[in-house]
Amino acid sequence: METVKEVTKELVQKFISKLKFSNIIEDNTVLIVGGSWLHHGPPFLAASSALKTGLVKVYLAAPKTLSTVFRVMSSDIIVLPLPDMKFTKGCARKLLKWMPTVGSILLGPGLGKGCRDGLEVFLKETKNIPLILVDDALHYDTIRLLNNKKHLIILKANEFPRLFNTTLPENVEEKISMVTSKVKEIKVTIYLKDNLDIISDGETTLTYNPNLSQPLMYGSLSVLAGITSAFSTVGLSSIESAAISSYINGKIHSLIYQEKGKHYTSSELIEYIQIALKEIL
């Protein structure tokens, strides 16, 4: 029978106690693939957030026209320039040749439309690595290629109907049941980012109320995804990584709200990650 638990500080600390810490950060490597002619912010927010965990080295694969900008913005992120503005089959094949050995891959922040074919080529060759899919990487047929609960999709409530062609119930119990049924259908762990976060691998379901002071802003899901990718890289399961990032996400929003009120940006959230981590590490 499926178990439903609430994410608490104690549960998060239990998960963190399982971390496989390395004395050399370079042994823990994340690859983030994103960006397009329109969106440069999401992949950079995700990469910066992963770095702020202090656990990983981060590679960012993005269109060549953005690579110089990203290198100026941060000397800590290693940028892999992709030849096209869209993630085409050609981009996917070149990245497969270039990419280093990594512990997890985050696909999708700011990736833009028209990337499904490239994603399918890339996913078929990287299914042995824990994958996290967000934003424009979320296509039903693409997700079905993964067929393993070590992989994770992160989506907002308003993305659920588009992805699964069904309405998400308002009732919490029914919503949890809907999420778990979709996990069993696609065989991939789901993290539904909503007023009540729901994370399920089909056997265990975790919920967390982040008590956000305002609706999710542009780019904040990328911050969340970056944190998740960092914990996935250092040996935690998809549901454990998602639970930790859900908890941290709630804390950083609370911290920034206490200091700045409702008016802040997603990039400002990143500076509070280390403060939130200090409480639980």
C-alpha atoms as a PDB file:
ATOM      1  CA  MET A   1       0.000   0.000   0.000  1.00  0.00           C
ATOM      2  CA  GLU A   2       1.249   3.446  -0.891  1.00  0.00           C
ATOM      3  CA  THR A   3       2.638   5.567   1.952  1.00  0.00           C
ATOM      4  CA  VAL A   4       1.949   9.310   2.225  1.00  0.00           C
ATOM      5  CA  LYS A   5       4.258  11.342   4.455  1.00  0.00           C
ATOM      6  CA  GLU A   6       4.859  15.002   5.144  1.00  0.00           C
ATOM      7  CA  VAL A   7       8.274  16.468   4.441  1.00  0.00           C
ATOM      8  CA  THR A   8       9.765  17.677   7.727  1.00  0.00           C
ATOM      9  CA  LYS A   9      13.140  18.977   8.815  1.00  0.00           C
ATOM     10  CA  GLU A  10      13.832  15.617  10.463  1.00  0.00           C
ATOM     11  CA  LEU A  11      13.008  13.689   7.291  1.00  0.00           C
ATOM     12  CA  VAL A  12      15.214  15.986   5.208  1.00  0.00           C
ATOM     13  CA  GLN A  13      18.100  15.535   7.648  1.00  0.00           C
ATOM     14  CA  LYS A  14      17.613  11.764   7.475  1.00  0.00           C
ATOM     15  CA  PHE A  15      17.959  11.916   3.692  1.00  0.00           C
ATOM     16  CA  ILE A  16      20.986  14.192   3.881  1.00  0.00           C
ATOM     17  CA  SER A  17      22.697  11.779   6.286  1.00  0.00           C
ATOM     18  CA  LYS A  18      22.850   9.351   3.339  1.00  0.00           C
ATOM     19  CA  LEU A  19      24.871  11.731   1.174  1.00  0.00           C
ATOM     20  CA  LYS A  20      28.023  10.376  -0.419  1.00  0.00           C
ATOM     21  CA  PHE A  21      30.290  13.326   0.292  1.00  0.00           C
ATOM     22  CA  SER A  22      33.506  13.566  -1.686  1.00  0.00           C
ATOM     23  CA  ASN A  23      36.661  15.364  -0.662  1.00  0.00           C
ATOM     24  CA  ILE A  24      36.956  16.532  -4.251  1.00  0.00           C
ATOM     25  CA  ILE A  25      33.963  18.522  -5.524  1.00  0.00           C
ATOM     26  CA  GLU A  26      34.922  17.730  -9.115  1.00  0.00           C
ATOM     27  CA  ASP A  27      33.869  14.130  -8.494  1.00  0.00           C
ATOM     28  CA  ASN A  28      30.292  15.420  -8.190  1.00  0.00           C
ATOM     29  CA  THR A  29      29.308  16.873 -11.542  1.00  0.00           C
ATOM     30  CA  VAL A  30      25.991  18.160 -12.887  1.00  0.00           C
ATOM     31  CA  LEU A  31      25.140  18.867 -16.528  1.00  0.00           C
ATOM     32  CA  ILE A  32      22.398  21.406 -17.214  1.00  0.00           C
ATOM     33  CA  VAL A  33      21.012  21.696 -20.746  1.00  0.00           C
ATOM     34  CA  GLY A  34      18.871  24.720 -21.523  1.00  0.00           C
ATOM     35  CA  GLY A  35      18.535  28.172 -23.000  1.00  0.00           C
ATOM     36  CA  SER A  36      17.208  29.439 -26.315  1.00  0.00           C
ATOM     37  CA  TRP A  37      16.995  32.617 -28.403  1.00  0.00           C
ATOM     38  CA  LEU A  38      14.335  33.903 -26.016  1.00  0.00           C
ATOM     39  CA  HIS A  39      15.269  32.495 -22.605  1.00  0.00           C
ATOM     40  CA  HIS A  40      18.746  32.883 -21.110  1.00  0.00           C
ATOM     41  CA  GLY A  41      17.717  33.299 -17.458  1.00  0.00           C
ATOM     42  CA  PRO A  42      16.357  29.832 -16.494  1.00  0.00           C
ATOM     43  CA  PRO A  43      19.464  27.742 -17.310  1.00  0.00           C
ATOM     44  CA  PHE A  44      21.735  30.247 -15.571  1.00  0.00           C
ATOM     45  CA  LEU A  45      19.493  30.334 -12.490  1.00  0.00           C
ATOM     46  CA  ALA A  46      19.514  26.524 -12.373  1.00  0.00           C
ATOM     47  CA  ALA A  47      23.294  26.309 -12.748  1.00  0.00           C
ATOM     48  CA  SER A  48      23.911  28.990 -10.116  1.00  0.00           C
ATOM     49  CA  SER A  49      21.522  27.283  -7.698  1.00  0.00           C
ATOM     50  CA  ALA A  50      23.246  23.924  -8.104  1.00  0.00           C
ATOM     51  CA  LEU A  51      26.592  25.587  -7.386  1.00  0.00           C
ATOM     52  CA  LYS A  52      25.274  27.278  -4.250  1.00  0.00           C
ATOM     53  CA  THR A  53      24.670  23.902  -2.632  1.00  0.00           C
ATOM     54  CA  GLY A  54      28.458  23.647  -2.420  1.00  0.00           C
ATOM     55  CA  LEU A  55      28.294  19.984  -3.434  1.00  0.00           C
ATOM     56  CA  VAL A  56      28.954  19.971  -7.165  1.00  0.00           C
ATOM     57  CA  LYS A  57      30.784  21.182 -10.240  1.00  0.00           C
ATOM     58  CA  VAL A  58      28.393  22.439 -12.911  1.00  0.00           C
ATOM     59  CA  TYR A  59      28.494  22.226 -16.704  1.00  0.00           C
ATOM     60  CA  LEU A  60      25.986  24.327 -18.620  1.00  0.00           C
ATOM     61  CA  ALA A  61      25.222  23.394 -22.235  1.00  0.00           C
ATOM     62  CA  ALA A  62      23.534  26.304 -24.001  1.00  0.00           C
ATOM     63  CA  PRO A  63      23.386  27.942 -27.449  1.00  0.00           C
ATOM     64  CA  LYS A  64      26.710  29.356 -28.573  1.00  0.00           C
ATOM     65  CA  THR A  65      25.350  32.912 -28.688  1.00  0.00           C
ATOM     66  CA  LEU A  66      24.640  32.693 -24.945  1.00  0.00           C
ATOM     67  CA  SER A  67      27.901  31.023 -23.945  1.00  0.00           C
ATOM     68  CA  THR A  68      29.989  34.211 -23.900  1.00  0.00           C
ATOM     69  CA  VAL A  69      27.359  35.952 -21.780  1.00  0.00           C
ATOM     70  CA  PHE A  70      27.267  33.078 -19.287  1.00  0.00           C
ATOM     71  CA  ARG A  71      31.060  33.020 -19.033  1.00  0.00           C
ATOM     72  CA  VAL A  72      31.056  36.713 -18.187  1.00  0.00           C
ATOM     73  CA  MET A  73      28.265  36.255 -15.660  1.00  0.00           C
ATOM     74  CA  SER A  74      30.090  33.502 -13.761  1.00  0.00           C
ATOM     75  CA  SER A  75      33.612  32.126 -13.672  1.00  0.00           C
ATOM     76  CA  ASP A  76      32.386  29.106 -11.665  1.00  0.00           C
ATOM     77  CA  ILE A  77      30.137  27.582 -14.328  1.00  0.00           C
ATOM     78  CA  ILE A  78      31.744  25.579 -17.154  1.00  0.00           C
ATOM     79  CA  VAL A  79      29.923  26.430 -20.384  1.00  0.00           C
ATOM     80  CA  LEU A  80      29.535  24.017 -23.301  1.00  0.00           C
ATOM     81  CA  PRO A  81      28.468  25.987 -26.432  1.00  0.00           C
ATOM     82  CA  LEU A  82      25.844  24.323 -28.603  1.00  0.00           C
ATOM     83  CA  PRO A  83      25.847  25.216 -32.324  1.00  0.00           C
ATOM     84  CA  ASP A  84      22.123  25.897 -32.785  1.00  0.00           C
ATOM     85  CA  MET A  85      19.612  28.135 -31.008  1.00  0.00           C
ATOM     86  CA  LYS A  86      17.283  25.122 -30.683  1.00  0.00           C
ATOM     87  CA  PHE A  87      18.219  21.750 -29.172  1.00  0.00           C
ATOM     88  CA  THR A  88      18.242  19.894 -32.473  1.00  0.00           C
ATOM     89  CA  LYS A  89      19.313  16.342 -33.228  1.00  0.00           C
ATOM     90  CA  GLY A  90      22.681  17.767 -34.289  1.00  0.00           C
ATOM     91  CA  CYS A  91      23.082  19.567 -30.966  1.00  0.00           C
ATOM     92  CA  ALA A  92      22.181  16.397 -29.100  1.00  0.00           C
ATOM     93  CA  ARG A  93      24.738  14.294 -30.985  1.00  0.00           C
ATOM     94  CA  LYS A  94      27.507  16.853 -30.488  1.00  0.00           C
ATOM     95  CA  LEU A  95      26.745  17.187 -26.797  1.00  0.00           C
ATOM     96  CA  LEU A  96      26.867  13.412 -26.396  1.00  0.00           C
ATOM     97  CA  LYS A  97      30.394  13.502 -27.814  1.00  0.00           C
ATOM     98  CA  TRP A  98      31.533  16.472 -25.699  1.00  0.00           C
ATOM     99  CA  MET A  99      29.865  15.883 -22.364  1.00  0.00           C
ATOM    100  CA  PRO A 100      31.947  14.823 -19.379  1.00  0.00           C
ATOM    101  CA  THR A 101      31.088  12.062 -16.929  1.00  0.00           C
ATOM    102  CA  VAL A 102      28.282  13.439 -14.771  1.00  0.00           C
ATOM    103  CA  GLY A 103      26.201  12.287 -11.818  1.00  0.00           C
ATOM    104  CA  SER A 104      22.930  13.819 -13.015  1.00  0.00           C
ATOM    105  CA  ILE A 105      21.506  15.828 -15.911  1.00  0.00           C
ATOM    106  CA  LEU A 106      18.923  18.605 -15.752  1.00  0.00           C
ATOM    107  CA  LEU A 107      17.126  19.103 -19.059  1.00  0.00           C
ATOM    108  CA  GLY A 108      14.799  21.878 -20.066  1.00  0.00           C
ATOM    109  CA  PRO A 109      15.188  25.234 -18.285  1.00  0.00           C
ATOM    110  CA  GLY A 110      14.532  27.844 -20.979  1.00  0.00           C
ATOM    111  CA  LEU A 111      15.032  25.271 -23.734  1.00  0.00           C
ATOM    112  CA  GLY A 112      12.225  26.655 -25.888  1.00  0.00           C
ATOM    113  CA  LYS A 113       9.950  24.988 -28.404  1.00  0.00           C
ATOM    114  CA  GLY A 114      10.911  22.651 -31.215  1.00  0.00           C
ATOM    115  CA  CYS A 115      13.401  20.561 -29.235  1.00  0.00           C
ATOM    116  CA  ARG A 116      11.550  17.244 -28.969  1.00  0.00           C
ATOM    117  CA  ASP A 117      13.554  15.426 -31.650  1.00  0.00           C
ATOM    118  CA  GLY A 118      16.851  16.485 -30.098  1.00  0.00           C
ATOM    119  CA  LEU A 119      15.656  15.455 -26.658  1.00  0.00           C
ATOM    120  CA  GLU A 120      14.706  11.985 -27.872  1.00  0.00           C
ATOM    121  CA  VAL A 121      18.162  11.448 -29.387  1.00  0.00           C
ATOM    122  CA  PHE A 122      19.828  12.652 -26.199  1.00  0.00           C
ATOM    123  CA  LEU A 123      17.639  10.723 -23.749  1.00  0.00           C
ATOM    124  CA  LYS A 124      18.099   7.401 -25.517  1.00  0.00           C
ATOM    125  CA  GLU A 125      21.842   7.646 -24.827  1.00  0.00           C
ATOM    126  CA  THR A 126      21.708   9.018 -21.269  1.00  0.00           C
ATOM    127  CA  LYS A 127      18.978   6.909 -19.606  1.00  0.00           C
ATOM    128  CA  ASN A 128      21.559   5.276 -17.342  1.00  0.00           C
ATOM    129  CA  ILE A 129      22.160   8.672 -15.665  1.00  0.00           C
ATOM    130  CA  PRO A 130      19.605  10.218 -13.260  1.00  0.00           C
ATOM    131  CA  LEU A 131      17.658  12.745 -15.345  1.00  0.00           C
ATOM    132  CA  ILE A 132      15.531  15.699 -14.233  1.00  0.00           C
ATOM    133  CA  LEU A 133      13.161  17.198 -16.798  1.00  0.00           C
ATOM    134  CA  VAL A 134      11.470  20.600 -16.544  1.00  0.00           C
ATOM    135  CA  ASP A 135       9.857  23.270 -18.731  1.00  0.00           C
ATOM    136  CA  ASP A 136      10.071  22.570 -22.467  1.00  0.00           C
ATOM    137  CA  ALA A 137      11.623  19.135 -21.940  1.00  0.00           C
ATOM    138  CA  LEU A 138       8.229  17.933 -20.711  1.00  0.00           C
ATOM    139  CA  HIS A 139       6.617  15.987 -23.544  1.00  0.00           C
ATOM    140  CA  TYR A 140       4.549  12.886 -22.843  1.00  0.00           C
ATOM    141  CA  ASP A 141       6.170  10.712 -25.529  1.00  0.00           C
ATOM    142  CA  THR A 142       9.634  11.861 -24.474  1.00  0.00           C
ATOM    143  CA  ILE A 143       9.009  11.059 -20.816  1.00  0.00           C
ATOM    144  CA  ARG A 144       7.787   7.565 -21.712  1.00  0.00           C
ATOM    145  CA  LEU A 145      11.264   6.846 -23.103  1.00  0.00           C
ATOM    146  CA  LEU A 146      12.735   7.018 -19.583  1.00  0.00           C
ATOM    147  CA  ASN A 147      10.727   4.191 -17.978  1.00  0.00           C
ATOM    148  CA  ASN A 148      12.584   4.346 -14.646  1.00  0.00           C
ATOM    149  CA  LYS A 149      11.720   5.992 -11.337  1.00  0.00           C
ATOM    150  CA  LYS A 150      15.303   7.114 -10.793  1.00  0.00           C
ATOM    151  CA  HIS A 151      14.357   9.887 -13.232  1.00  0.00           C
ATOM    152  CA  LEU A 152      12.274  12.888 -12.164  1.00  0.00           C
ATOM    153  CA  ILE A 153       9.970  15.380 -13.805  1.00  0.00           C
ATOM    154  CA  ILE A 154       9.209  18.698 -12.102  1.00  0.00           C
ATOM    155  CA  LEU A 155       6.105  20.520 -13.232  1.00  0.00           C
ATOM    156  CA  LYS A 156       3.750  23.237 -12.090  1.00  0.00           C
ATOM    157  CA  ALA A 157       0.030  22.599 -11.618  1.00  0.00           C
ATOM    158  CA  ASN A 158      -0.831  24.536 -14.776  1.00  0.00           C
ATOM    159  CA  GLU A 159       1.481  22.270 -16.809  1.00  0.00           C
ATOM    160  CA  PHE A 160      -0.219  19.066 -15.669  1.00  0.00           C
ATOM    161  CA  PRO A 161      -3.246  19.238 -18.042  1.00  0.00           C
ATOM    162  CA  ARG A 162      -1.018  19.912 -21.062  1.00  0.00           C
ATOM    163  CA  LEU A 163       1.332  17.042 -20.256  1.00  0.00           C
ATOM    164  CA  PHE A 164      -1.243  14.422 -19.281  1.00  0.00           C
ATOM    165  CA  ASN A 165      -4.334  15.677 -21.113  1.00  0.00           C
ATOM    166  CA  THR A 166      -6.408  15.568 -17.956  1.00  0.00           C
ATOM    167  CA  THR A 167      -7.661  18.049 -15.381  1.00  0.00           C
ATOM    168  CA  LEU A 168      -5.914  18.143 -12.024  1.00  0.00           C
ATOM    169  CA  PRO A 169      -8.484  17.816  -9.180  1.00  0.00           C
ATOM    170  CA  GLU A 170      -8.859  20.552  -6.569  1.00  0.00           C
ATOM    171  CA  ASN A 171      -9.316  18.135  -3.675  1.00  0.00           C
ATOM    172  CA  VAL A 172      -5.949  17.287  -2.072  1.00  0.00           C
ATOM    173  CA  GLU A 173      -6.585  13.544  -1.679  1.00  0.00           C
ATOM    174  CA  GLU A 174      -7.812  13.280  -5.245  1.00  0.00           C
ATOM    175  CA  LYS A 175      -4.844  15.311  -6.466  1.00  0.00           C
ATOM    176  CA  ILE A 176      -2.411  12.971  -4.698  1.00  0.00           C
ATOM    177  CA  SER A 177      -4.214   9.987  -6.198  1.00  0.00           C
ATOM    178  CA  MET A 178      -3.994  11.536  -9.670  1.00  0.00           C
ATOM    179  CA  VAL A 179      -0.237  12.164  -9.322  1.00  0.00           C
ATOM    180  CA  THR A 180       0.491   8.635  -8.118  1.00  0.00           C
ATOM    181  CA  SER A 181      -1.595   7.149 -10.923  1.00  0.00           C
ATOM    182  CA  LYS A 182       0.461   9.086 -13.479  1.00  0.00           C
ATOM    183  CA  VAL A 183       3.699   7.882 -11.878  1.00  0.00           C
ATOM    184  CA  LYS A 184       2.542   4.306 -12.390  1.00  0.00           C
ATOM    185  CA  GLU A 185       1.597   5.155 -15.976  1.00  0.00           C
ATOM    186  CA  ILE A 186       4.896   6.747 -17.015  1.00  0.00           C
ATOM    187  CA  LYS A 187       7.154   4.966 -14.455  1.00  0.00           C
ATOM    188  CA  VAL A 188       8.994   8.217 -13.669  1.00  0.00           C
ATOM    189  CA  THR A 189       9.000  10.065 -10.325  1.00  0.00           C
ATOM    190  CA  ILE A 190       6.818  13.197 -10.347  1.00  0.00           C
ATOM    191  CA  TYR A 191       7.300  16.406  -8.380  1.00  0.00           C
ATOM    192  CA  LEU A 192       4.183  18.546  -8.696  1.00  0.00           C
ATOM    193  CA  LYS A 193       4.992  22.101  -7.618  1.00  0.00           C
ATOM    194  CA  ASP A 194       1.793  23.618  -6.252  1.00  0.00           C
ATOM    195  CA  ASN A 195       0.412  25.277  -3.127  1.00  0.00           C
ATOM    196  CA  LEU A 196       0.992  21.843  -1.618  1.00  0.00           C
ATOM    197  CA  ASP A 197       4.025  20.167  -3.168  1.00  0.00           C
ATOM    198  CA  ILE A 198       3.381  16.521  -4.072  1.00  0.00           C
ATOM    199  CA  ILE A 199       6.312  14.196  -4.772  1.00  0.00           C
ATOM    200  CA  SER A 200       5.701  10.561  -5.650  1.00  0.00           C
ATOM    201  CA  ASP A 201       7.580   7.561  -7.003  1.00  0.00           C
ATOM    202  CA  GLY A 202       4.448   5.423  -6.974  1.00  0.00           C
ATOM    203  CA  GLU A 203       5.329   3.664  -3.715  1.00  0.00           C
ATOM    204  CA  THR A 204       5.966   6.607  -1.407  1.00  0.00           C
ATOM    205  CA  THR A 205       4.333  10.017  -1.698  1.00  0.00           C
ATOM    206  CA  LEU A 206       5.664  13.062   0.132  1.00  0.00           C
ATOM    207  CA  THR A 207       3.850  16.347   0.612  1.00  0.00           C
ATOM    208  CA  TYR A 208       5.123  19.721   1.733  1.00  0.00           C
ATOM    209  CA  ASN A 209       3.410  23.060   2.228  1.00  0.00           C
ATOM    210  CA  PRO A 210       6.034  25.759   1.566  1.00  0.00           C
ATOM    211  CA  ASN A 211       3.661  28.525   2.737  1.00  0.00           C
ATOM    212  CA  LEU A 212       4.760  30.778  -0.109  1.00  0.00           C
ATOM    213  CA  SER A 213       3.928  34.448   0.377  1.00  0.00           C
ATOM    214  CA  GLN A 214       3.232  34.948  -3.338  1.00  0.00           C
ATOM    215  CA  PRO A 215       2.715  32.881  -6.516  1.00  0.00           C
ATOM    216  CA  LEU A 216       5.735  31.301  -8.191  1.00  0.00           C
ATOM    217  CA  MET A 217       7.632  33.901 -10.194  1.00  0.00           C
ATOM    218  CA  TYR A 218       9.397  33.452 -13.512  1.00  0.00           C
ATOM    219  CA  GLY A 219      12.586  31.494 -12.974  1.00  0.00           C
ATOM    220  CA  SER A 220      11.883  30.231  -9.452  1.00  0.00           C
ATOM    221  CA  LEU A 221      11.223  26.701 -10.731  1.00  0.00           C
ATOM    222  CA  SER A 222      14.691  26.789 -12.309  1.00  0.00           C
ATOM    223  CA  VAL A 223      16.179  27.580  -8.900  1.00  0.00           C
ATOM    224  CA  LEU A 224      14.314  24.610  -7.453  1.00  0.00           C
ATOM    225  CA  ALA A 225      15.442  22.325 -10.286  1.00  0.00           C
ATOM    226  CA  GLY A 226      19.070  23.368  -9.878  1.00  0.00           C
ATOM    227  CA  ILE A 227      19.018  22.471  -6.186  1.00  0.00           C
ATOM    228  CA  THR A 228      17.377  19.129  -6.988  1.00  0.00           C
ATOM    229  CA  SER A 229      20.042  18.269  -9.569  1.00  0.00           C
ATOM    230  CA  ALA A 230      22.817  18.892  -7.043  1.00  0.00           C
ATOM    231  CA  PHE A 231      21.410  16.431  -4.534  1.00  0.00           C
ATOM    232  CA  SER A 232      20.649  13.881  -7.234  1.00  0.00           C
ATOM    233  CA  THR A 233      24.297  13.981  -8.284  1.00  0.00           C
ATOM    234  CA  VAL A 234      25.635  13.104  -4.841  1.00  0.00           C
ATOM    235  CA  GLY A 235      23.843   9.814  -4.522  1.00  0.00           C
ATOM    236  CA  LEU A 236      20.291  10.489  -3.388  1.00  0.00           C
ATOM    237  CA  SER A 237      17.230   9.043  -5.087  1.00  0.00           C
ATOM    238  CA  SER A 238      14.862  11.148  -7.154  1.00  0.00           C
ATOM    239  CA  ILE A 239      12.248  11.350  -4.395  1.00  0.00           C
ATOM    240  CA  GLU A 240      14.858  12.174  -1.736  1.00  0.00           C
ATOM    241  CA  SER A 241      16.441  14.902  -3.863  1.00  0.00           C
ATOM    242  CA  ALA A 242      13.044  16.389  -4.660  1.00  0.00           C
ATOM    243  CA  ALA A 243      12.011  16.365  -0.987  1.00  0.00           C
ATOM    244  CA  ILE A 244      15.161  18.198   0.084  1.00  0.00           C
ATOM    245  CA  SER A 245      14.808  20.815  -2.647  1.00  0.00           C
ATOM    246  CA  SER A 246      11.124  21.281  -1.795  1.00  0.00           C
ATOM    247  CA  TYR A 247      12.038  21.972   1.824  1.00  0.00           C
ATOM    248  CA  ILE A 248      14.926  24.296   0.930  1.00  0.00           C
ATOM    249  CA  ASN A 249      12.765  26.126  -1.603  1.00  0.00           C
ATOM    250  CA  GLY A 250      10.204  26.868   1.084  1.00  0.00           C
ATOM    251  CA  LYS A 251      12.901  28.075   3.455  1.00  0.00           C
ATOM    252  CA  ILE A 252      14.598  30.428   0.997  1.00  0.00           C
ATOM    253  CA  HIS A 253      11.266  32.013   0.098  1.00  0.00           C
ATOM    254  CA  SER A 254      10.527  32.473   3.803  1.00  0.00           C
ATOM    255  CA  LEU A 255      13.953  33.983   4.479  1.00  0.00           C
ATOM    256  CA  ILE A 256      13.804  36.470   1.621  1.00  0.00           C
ATOM    257  CA  TYR A 257      10.224  37.432   2.472  1.00  0.00           C
ATOM    258  CA  GLN A 258      11.230  38.218   6.059  1.00  0.00           C
ATOM    259  CA  GLU A 259      14.015  40.495   4.815  1.00  0.00           C
ATOM    260  CA  LYS A 260      12.541  42.064   1.667  1.00  0.00           C
ATOM    261  CA  GLY A 261       8.799  41.508   1.738  1.00  0.00           C
ATOM    262  CA  LYS A 262       6.928  40.396  -1.379  1.00  0.00           C
ATOM    263  CA  HIS A 263       9.036  42.261  -3.908  1.00  0.00           C
ATOM    264  CA  TYR A 264      12.033  40.178  -4.956  1.00  0.00           C
ATOM    265  CA  THR A 265      13.310  38.304  -7.994  1.00  0.00           C
ATOM    266  CA  SER A 266      14.263  34.695  -8.632  1.00  0.00           C
ATOM    267  CA  SER A 267      17.953  35.563  -8.874  1.00  0.00           C
ATOM    268  CA  GLU A 268      17.817  36.966  -5.342  1.00  0.00           C
ATOM    269  CA  LEU A 269      16.572  33.617  -4.032  1.00  0.00           C
ATOM    270  CA  ILE A 270      19.895  31.995  -4.871  1.00  0.00           C
ATOM    271  CA  GLU A 271      21.783  33.944  -2.199  1.00  0.00           C
ATOM    272  CA  TYR A 272      19.633  32.363   0.505  1.00  0.00           C
ATOM    273  CA  ILE A 273      20.325  28.746  -0.441  1.00  0.00           C
ATOM    274  CA  GLN A 274      23.476  28.509   1.676  1.00  0.00           C
ATOM    275  CA  ILE A 275      21.675  30.023   4.674  1.00  0.00           C
ATOM    276  CA  ALA A 276      18.872  27.466   4.384  1.00  0.00           C
ATOM    277  CA  LEU A 277      21.359  24.627   3.965  1.00  0.00           C
ATOM    278  CA  LYS A 278      23.271  25.665   7.070  1.00  0.00           C
ATOM    279  CA  GLU A 279      20.195  24.840   9.125  1.00  0.00           C
ATOM    280  CA  ILE A 280      20.002  21.235   7.964  1.00  0.00           C
ATOM    281  CA  LEU A 281      23.516  20.101   6.952  1.00  0.00           C
END
